[in-house]
Amino acid sequence: MTDVDEHGRPEPPIAGDETATLLGFLDYQRATLAWKCRGLDSAGLTAKVGASSMTLGGLLKHLAYVEDDWFSYRLHGRDRSAPWNTVDWRADKDWEWNSAADDSPEELFALWEKAVDHSREAVAEALDDDGLSRPARRPWAGGETPSLRWIVVHMIEEYARHNGHADLLRESVDGQTGE
């Protein structure tokens, strides 16, 4: 049974195998983002700090994109799904950040939650295929091919870095703080 803390975050296993530990930390980081964004209205999700254009809504949409990009597009070599397949990325390379202000809190959470659900399915499929050593189907421009292990660790880092941003943004909205 997984322990869940007071913020709804599942505690990673303290004596799990490599897969359970990595996925446990990824889910913990995902749940931290949800905690930092939970309960906010559109104004809260579009609030900015200082000179930065980053918002909590932008973080939700960006991480929805990153989930889909790494676990579906790169790992499995699948075509991009909506809304990512309709974006002119050459015209706006930061579209997910810039367009988030046009989305309701419900739309942003639904997009992110759907991306996380699809990522979990994609990871389970890859684990059944070749475990954490499973190479991505789409190599990088230089020809290197990351493993599922590398992708999961990268996603932990991506969330952890952005959760630091989320801490500052949430505190600026309503003073809520916490790890």
Protein backbone atom coordinates (compact mmCIF):
# COMPACT_ATOMS: atom_id res chain seq x y z
CA MET A 1 0.00 0.00 0.00
CA THR A 2 1.30 3.43 -0.94
CA ASP A 3 1.46 6.11 1.74
CA VAL A 4 0.07 9.47 0.66
CA ASP A 5 1.14 12.66 2.44
CA GLU A 6 -1.10 15.52 3.53
CA HIS A 7 -0.81 17.11 0.08
CA GLY A 8 -1.94 14.02 -1.83
CA ARG A 9 1.54 12.96 -2.89
CA PRO A 10 2.38 9.24 -2.96
CA GLU A 11 5.57 8.49 -1.07
CA PRO A 12 8.14 6.69 -3.24
CA PRO A 13 9.01 3.22 -1.94
CA ILE A 14 11.99 3.26 0.42
CA ALA A 15 13.07 -0.27 -0.47
CA GLY A 16 11.68 -0.76 -3.98
CA ASP A 17 13.50 -2.03 -7.01
CA GLU A 18 14.89 0.40 -9.57
CA THR A 19 11.68 0.65 -11.59
CA ALA A 20 9.40 1.16 -8.58
CA THR A 21 11.78 3.74 -7.11
CA LEU A 22 12.11 5.77 -10.31
CA LEU A 23 8.40 5.70 -11.10
CA GLY A 24 7.62 6.44 -7.44
CA PHE A 25 9.73 9.59 -7.55
CA LEU A 26 8.19 10.63 -10.88
CA ASP A 27 4.68 10.26 -9.46
CA TYR A 28 5.72 12.19 -6.36
CA GLN A 29 6.95 15.07 -8.53
CA ARG A 30 3.79 14.97 -10.63
CA ALA A 31 1.67 15.11 -7.48
CA THR A 32 3.73 18.05 -6.20
CA LEU A 33 2.84 20.03 -9.32
CA ALA A 34 -0.83 19.16 -8.87
CA TRP A 35 -0.67 20.31 -5.24
CA LYS A 36 0.94 23.63 -6.21
CA CYS A 37 -1.76 24.30 -8.85
CA ARG A 38 -4.79 22.87 -7.06
CA GLY A 39 -7.64 25.16 -6.06
CA LEU A 40 -6.62 28.14 -8.15
CA ASP A 41 -8.84 30.08 -10.52
CA SER A 42 -7.75 31.55 -13.86
CA ALA A 43 -6.21 34.58 -12.16
CA GLY A 44 -4.12 32.34 -9.92
CA LEU A 45 -2.96 30.18 -12.81
CA THR A 46 -1.92 33.24 -14.87
CA ALA A 47 -0.11 35.11 -12.07
CA LYS A 48 3.53 35.98 -12.76
CA VAL A 49 6.50 36.79 -10.54
CA GLY A 50 8.94 39.56 -11.38
CA ALA A 51 10.19 39.73 -14.94
CA SER A 52 9.36 36.09 -15.70
CA SER A 53 6.51 35.22 -18.06
CA MET A 54 6.13 31.80 -16.40
CA THR A 55 2.75 30.90 -14.87
CA LEU A 56 1.32 27.88 -13.08
CA GLY A 57 -1.09 27.38 -15.98
CA GLY A 58 1.86 27.50 -18.35
CA LEU A 59 3.64 24.89 -16.24
CA LEU A 60 0.64 22.55 -16.44
CA LYS A 61 0.42 22.90 -20.22
CA HIS A 62 4.18 22.69 -20.72
CA LEU A 63 4.46 19.53 -18.64
CA ALA A 64 1.48 18.01 -20.47
CA TYR A 65 3.42 18.62 -23.69
CA VAL A 66 6.67 17.23 -22.23
CA GLU A 67 4.87 14.09 -21.01
CA ASP A 68 3.47 13.46 -24.48
CA ASP A 69 6.71 14.37 -26.23
CA TRP A 70 8.93 12.01 -24.24
CA PHE A 71 6.67 9.04 -23.56
CA SER A 72 4.63 8.89 -26.75
CA TYR A 73 6.40 10.77 -29.53
CA ARG A 74 10.01 9.92 -28.67
CA LEU A 75 9.82 6.66 -26.70
CA HIS A 76 7.21 4.95 -28.88
CA GLY A 77 7.70 6.92 -32.11
CA ARG A 78 4.01 7.82 -32.30
CA ASP A 79 2.59 10.83 -34.08
CA ARG A 80 1.88 13.84 -31.94
CA SER A 81 -1.66 13.94 -30.54
CA ALA A 82 -4.00 16.91 -30.14
CA PRO A 83 -3.44 19.68 -29.42
CA TRP A 84 0.29 19.35 -30.15
CA ASN A 85 -0.25 18.12 -33.72
CA THR A 86 -2.10 21.33 -34.66
CA VAL A 87 0.54 23.79 -33.46
CA ASP A 88 2.80 25.75 -35.79
CA TRP A 89 5.90 25.33 -33.63
CA ARG A 90 8.02 27.37 -36.04
CA ALA A 91 5.73 30.37 -35.53
CA ASP A 92 5.71 30.02 -31.72
CA LYS A 93 8.25 27.65 -30.17
CA ASP A 94 6.76 28.42 -26.74
CA TRP A 95 3.14 27.89 -27.77
CA GLU A 96 2.21 25.79 -24.76
CA TRP A 97 3.46 28.51 -22.41
CA ASN A 98 1.92 31.36 -24.38
CA SER A 99 -1.48 29.79 -25.01
CA ALA A 100 -2.13 28.57 -21.45
CA ALA A 101 -3.69 31.90 -20.43
CA ASP A 102 -6.51 31.21 -22.93
CA ASP A 103 -7.42 27.92 -21.21
CA SER A 104 -9.62 27.47 -18.15
CA PRO A 105 -8.26 25.78 -15.04
CA GLU A 106 -10.45 22.77 -15.87
CA GLU A 107 -9.03 22.54 -19.41
CA LEU A 108 -5.44 22.82 -18.18
CA PHE A 109 -5.84 20.15 -15.51
CA ALA A 110 -7.70 17.84 -17.91
CA LEU A 111 -4.96 18.21 -20.55
CA TRP A 112 -2.21 17.53 -18.02
CA GLU A 113 -4.02 14.61 -16.34
CA LYS A 114 -4.75 13.02 -19.71
CA ALA A 115 -1.09 13.36 -20.69
CA VAL A 116 0.04 11.78 -17.40
CA ASP A 117 -2.43 8.88 -17.84
CA HIS A 118 -1.18 8.27 -21.38
CA SER A 119 2.41 8.43 -20.17
CA ARG A 120 1.77 5.82 -17.51
CA GLU A 121 0.29 3.53 -20.16
CA ALA A 122 3.25 4.17 -22.48
CA VAL A 123 5.74 3.42 -19.71
CA ALA A 124 3.95 0.19 -18.77
CA GLU A 125 4.03 -0.86 -22.43
CA ALA A 126 7.75 -0.11 -22.71
CA LEU A 127 8.52 -1.91 -19.46
CA ASP A 128 6.79 -5.02 -20.82
CA ASP A 129 8.86 -4.67 -23.99
CA ASP A 130 12.42 -4.36 -22.65
CA GLY A 131 12.29 -2.81 -19.19
CA LEU A 132 14.12 0.38 -18.35
CA SER A 133 16.72 -0.43 -21.00
CA ARG A 134 14.13 -0.10 -23.76
CA PRO A 135 15.51 2.41 -26.30
CA ALA A 136 13.39 5.24 -27.64
CA ARG A 137 12.08 4.74 -31.17
CA ARG A 138 13.01 8.28 -32.22
CA PRO A 139 16.71 9.05 -31.91
CA TRP A 140 17.98 12.56 -31.27
CA ALA A 141 19.23 14.67 -34.17
CA GLY A 142 22.78 13.42 -33.52
CA GLY A 143 21.66 9.79 -33.71
CA GLU A 144 21.87 8.98 -29.98
CA THR A 145 18.95 7.03 -28.57
CA PRO A 146 18.01 7.47 -24.91
CA SER A 147 16.68 4.55 -22.89
CA LEU A 148 13.42 4.54 -20.95
CA ARG A 149 15.61 4.78 -17.82
CA TRP A 150 17.17 8.03 -19.09
CA ILE A 151 13.75 9.42 -20.05
CA VAL A 152 12.25 8.69 -16.62
CA VAL A 153 15.21 10.28 -14.83
CA HIS A 154 14.98 13.27 -17.15
CA MET A 155 11.27 13.63 -16.38
CA ILE A 156 11.98 13.54 -12.62
CA GLU A 157 14.49 16.33 -13.17
CA GLU A 158 12.07 18.28 -15.39
CA TYR A 159 9.31 18.16 -12.77
CA ALA A 160 11.64 18.87 -9.84
CA ARG A 161 13.07 21.94 -11.57
CA HIS A 162 9.64 23.27 -12.50
CA ASN A 163 8.24 22.48 -9.05
CA GLY A 164 10.76 24.98 -7.70
CA HIS A 165 9.22 27.56 -10.02
CA ALA A 166 5.75 26.46 -8.90
CA ASP A 167 6.71 27.06 -5.26
CA LEU A 168 7.52 30.70 -5.97
CA LEU A 169 4.50 31.23 -8.20
CA ARG A 170 2.05 29.73 -5.71
CA GLU A 171 3.50 31.73 -2.85
CA SER A 172 3.01 34.92 -4.88
CA VAL A 173 -0.66 34.05 -5.49
CA ASP A 174 -1.89 33.27 -1.98
CA GLY A 175 1.09 32.87 0.30
CA GLN A 176 0.86 29.06 0.32
CA THR A 177 4.29 27.59 0.92
CA GLY A 178 5.73 24.18 1.54
CA GLU A 179 8.45 21.97 0.20
